[in-house]
């Protein structure tokens, strides 16, 4: 009972370190259990079948258990997300299935803003205002905006790249767009 209470208090990185040094599967089991809902949702998104998603989550655990101590993992959550995504894509490739994802979120998010980035519709004054205003944004907003609009990264890719939470990325992009709009409007009037 005492061991169980202590293990629950450990951070992801502490659990990972304990597992790597002791080899006790309880540590990795606790760490993995924290992310089962996330993994299940990700696998369900790619595999589109509840039973297959559950199987993929279990298979991933079995695959990772002996391998994790050999990896250098700085932040566990984005690393696990990327590994799980690749695991699902590998399953689909083996089945020669077409991989279809819903990209409408990116399109809806970016439609109203893209006209500022399109050179044929934008004056030099607007482009200069955009550059100026991007520099004025808080760092997290600027990073998220640059990744999303300039590098065309998805929310998940930004989370993986930056370590921000998904909700924070969405918030940074939304607030960044609003701040850019206001700033550009003030600059071009």
Protein backbone atom coordinates (compact mmCIF):
# COMPACT_ATOMS: atom_id res chain seq x y z
CA UNK A 1 0.00 0.00 0.00
CA UNK A 2 2.83 2.40 0.91
CA UNK A 3 4.60 1.66 -2.39
CA UNK A 4 1.41 2.36 -4.38
CA UNK A 5 0.88 5.76 -2.68
CA UNK A 6 4.47 6.77 -3.35
CA UNK A 7 4.40 5.69 -6.98
CA UNK A 8 1.29 7.78 -7.63
CA UNK A 9 3.12 10.93 -6.47
CA UNK A 10 6.02 10.52 -8.91
CA UNK A 11 6.22 12.70 -12.04
CA UNK A 12 6.41 11.13 -15.49
CA UNK A 13 10.14 11.70 -15.65
CA UNK A 14 10.68 10.19 -12.18
CA UNK A 15 8.66 7.11 -13.12
CA UNK A 16 10.66 6.77 -16.33
CA UNK A 17 13.94 7.10 -14.44
CA UNK A 18 12.85 4.59 -11.78
CA UNK A 19 11.83 2.09 -14.44
CA UNK A 20 15.07 2.53 -16.37
CA UNK A 21 17.23 2.08 -13.26
CA UNK A 22 15.27 -0.61 -11.39
CA UNK A 23 13.59 -2.49 -14.24
CA UNK A 24 10.40 -2.79 -12.16
CA UNK A 25 7.45 -2.86 -14.52
CA UNK A 26 5.19 -1.20 -11.90
CA UNK A 27 6.87 2.12 -12.70
CA UNK A 28 6.32 1.92 -16.43
CA UNK A 29 2.83 0.48 -15.88
CA UNK A 30 1.82 3.49 -13.80
CA UNK A 31 3.32 5.88 -16.32
CA UNK A 32 1.63 4.19 -19.28
CA UNK A 33 -1.74 4.02 -17.46
CA UNK A 34 -1.74 7.81 -17.17
CA UNK A 35 -1.89 8.08 -20.96
CA UNK A 36 -4.18 5.20 -21.92
CA UNK A 37 -7.17 7.51 -22.64
CA UNK A 38 -4.99 9.70 -24.88
CA UNK A 39 -3.52 6.66 -26.64
CA UNK A 40 -6.91 5.04 -27.10
CA UNK A 41 -8.31 8.23 -28.66
CA UNK A 42 -5.32 8.53 -30.97
CA UNK A 43 -5.52 4.88 -32.04
CA UNK A 44 -9.27 5.15 -32.54
CA UNK A 45 -8.73 8.20 -34.75
CA UNK A 46 -6.37 6.28 -37.04
CA UNK A 47 -7.76 2.74 -36.88
CA UNK A 48 -11.46 3.75 -36.70
CA UNK A 49 -12.46 0.63 -34.76
CA UNK A 50 -12.78 0.35 -30.98
CA UNK A 51 -11.49 -3.23 -30.70
CA UNK A 52 -8.52 -2.53 -32.97
CA UNK A 53 -7.72 0.65 -31.03
CA UNK A 54 -7.76 -1.28 -27.73
CA UNK A 55 -5.53 -3.97 -29.23
CA UNK A 56 -3.11 -1.33 -30.51
CA UNK A 57 -2.86 0.30 -27.06
CA UNK A 58 -2.09 -3.07 -25.46
CA UNK A 59 0.35 -4.07 -28.21
CA UNK A 60 2.15 -0.75 -27.86
CA UNK A 61 2.59 -1.35 -24.12
CA UNK A 62 4.04 -4.80 -24.78
CA UNK A 63 6.36 -3.42 -27.46
CA UNK A 64 7.59 -0.50 -25.35
CA UNK A 65 8.12 -2.35 -22.07
CA UNK A 66 11.51 -3.87 -23.02
CA UNK A 67 12.60 -0.95 -25.24
CA UNK A 68 11.92 2.16 -23.13
CA UNK A 69 15.06 1.92 -20.94
CA UNK A 70 17.19 2.13 -24.10
CA UNK A 71 15.68 5.42 -25.32
CA UNK A 72 16.68 8.89 -24.23
CA UNK A 73 13.28 10.46 -23.51
CA UNK A 74 13.20 14.07 -22.36
CA UNK A 75 9.43 14.63 -22.16
CA UNK A 76 7.40 11.45 -22.09
CA UNK A 77 3.96 12.62 -23.28
CA UNK A 78 4.93 14.01 -26.72
CA UNK A 79 7.36 11.13 -27.22
CA UNK A 80 4.64 8.57 -26.47
CA UNK A 81 2.17 10.39 -28.73
CA UNK A 82 4.62 10.25 -31.65
CA UNK A 83 5.43 6.57 -31.04
CA UNK A 84 1.73 5.67 -30.83
CA UNK A 85 0.94 7.61 -34.00
CA UNK A 86 3.74 5.81 -35.85
CA UNK A 87 2.52 2.49 -34.45
CA UNK A 88 -0.97 3.10 -35.89
CA UNK A 89 0.41 4.22 -39.23
CA UNK A 90 2.54 1.09 -39.37
CA UNK A 91 -0.54 -1.08 -38.76
CA UNK A 92 -2.37 0.70 -41.58
CA UNK A 93 0.60 0.36 -43.93
CA UNK A 94 0.77 -3.38 -43.30
CA UNK A 95 -2.88 -3.60 -44.30
CA UNK A 96 -2.26 -1.35 -47.33
CA UNK A 97 -5.05 0.89 -46.18
CA UNK A 98 -5.45 4.47 -47.24
CA UNK A 99 -4.78 6.84 -44.37
CA UNK A 100 -7.42 9.53 -44.19
CA UNK A 101 -7.47 12.25 -41.60
CA UNK A 102 -9.74 15.19 -41.03
CA UNK A 103 -7.86 18.33 -42.01
CA UNK A 104 -10.87 20.65 -41.82
CA UNK A 105 -9.80 21.92 -38.40
CA UNK A 106 -6.70 23.48 -39.94
CA UNK A 107 -8.65 24.93 -42.86
CA UNK A 108 -11.37 26.42 -40.69
CA UNK A 109 -8.79 27.83 -38.32
CA UNK A 110 -6.69 29.38 -41.04
CA UNK A 111 -9.18 30.61 -43.69
CA UNK A 112 -9.85 34.04 -42.22
CA UNK A 113 -6.16 34.61 -41.58
CA UNK A 114 -4.57 33.30 -44.77
CA UNK A 115 -5.45 36.39 -46.80
CA UNK A 116 -2.83 38.25 -44.75
CA UNK A 117 -0.18 35.76 -45.82
CA UNK A 118 -1.09 35.59 -49.49
CA UNK A 119 1.22 37.86 -51.46
CA UNK A 120 -1.13 38.66 -54.33
CA UNK A 121 -3.85 40.00 -52.02
CA UNK A 122 -1.54 41.77 -49.58
CA UNK A 123 0.11 45.13 -49.96
CA UNK A 124 3.68 45.75 -48.90
CA UNK A 125 2.30 47.90 -46.10
CA UNK A 126 0.23 44.96 -44.78
CA UNK A 127 3.20 42.57 -45.03
CA UNK A 128 5.38 45.00 -43.09
CA UNK A 129 2.61 45.43 -40.51
CA UNK A 130 2.31 41.62 -40.23
CA UNK A 131 6.06 41.23 -39.63
CA UNK A 132 6.03 44.06 -37.10
CA UNK A 133 3.00 42.66 -35.26
CA UNK A 134 4.37 39.11 -35.20
CA UNK A 135 7.40 40.43 -33.34
CA UNK A 136 5.12 42.14 -30.81
CA UNK A 137 3.20 38.96 -29.93
CA UNK A 138 3.97 37.15 -26.67
CA UNK A 139 6.50 34.40 -27.36
CA UNK A 140 4.13 31.41 -26.96
CA UNK A 141 1.59 32.99 -29.32
CA UNK A 142 4.25 33.88 -31.88
CA UNK A 143 5.73 30.37 -31.82
CA UNK A 144 2.31 28.74 -32.19
CA UNK A 145 1.23 31.12 -34.97
CA UNK A 146 4.49 30.61 -36.89
CA UNK A 147 4.28 26.81 -36.65
CA UNK A 148 0.59 26.71 -37.57
CA UNK A 149 0.40 29.22 -40.40
CA UNK A 150 3.92 29.53 -41.77
CA UNK A 151 5.04 25.91 -41.38
CA UNK A 152 1.51 24.47 -41.74
CA UNK A 153 1.92 22.20 -38.71
CA UNK A 154 -1.11 20.59 -37.09
CA UNK A 155 -2.08 21.19 -33.47
CA UNK A 156 -0.66 17.78 -32.56
CA UNK A 157 2.64 18.53 -34.30
CA UNK A 158 2.91 21.84 -32.43
CA UNK A 159 2.22 20.08 -29.12
CA UNK A 160 4.92 17.55 -29.97
CA UNK A 161 7.40 20.21 -31.09
CA UNK A 162 6.91 22.66 -28.23
CA UNK A 163 5.68 20.62 -25.28
CA UNK A 164 2.67 22.96 -24.87
CA UNK A 165 -0.65 21.32 -24.06
CA UNK A 166 -3.24 20.98 -26.83
CA UNK A 167 -5.55 23.47 -25.11
CA UNK A 168 -2.70 25.96 -24.76
CA UNK A 169 -1.79 25.64 -28.46
CA UNK A 170 -5.40 26.30 -29.47
CA UNK A 171 -5.57 29.24 -27.08
CA UNK A 172 -2.23 30.71 -28.23
CA UNK A 173 -3.30 30.51 -31.87
CA UNK A 174 -6.73 32.02 -31.22
CA UNK A 175 -5.37 34.82 -29.04
CA UNK A 176 -2.42 35.37 -31.36
CA UNK A 177 -4.74 35.74 -34.37
CA UNK A 178 -6.90 38.22 -32.49
CA UNK A 179 -3.86 40.22 -31.34
CA UNK A 180 -2.39 40.20 -34.85
CA UNK A 181 -5.66 41.36 -36.37
CA UNK A 182 -5.92 44.26 -33.93
CA UNK A 183 -2.26 45.21 -34.33
CA UNK A 184 -2.34 45.03 -38.15
CA UNK A 185 -5.52 47.07 -38.24
CA UNK A 186 -3.88 49.75 -36.08
CA UNK A 187 -0.71 49.67 -38.20
CA UNK A 188 -2.48 50.04 -41.57
CA UNK A 189 -4.94 52.79 -40.62
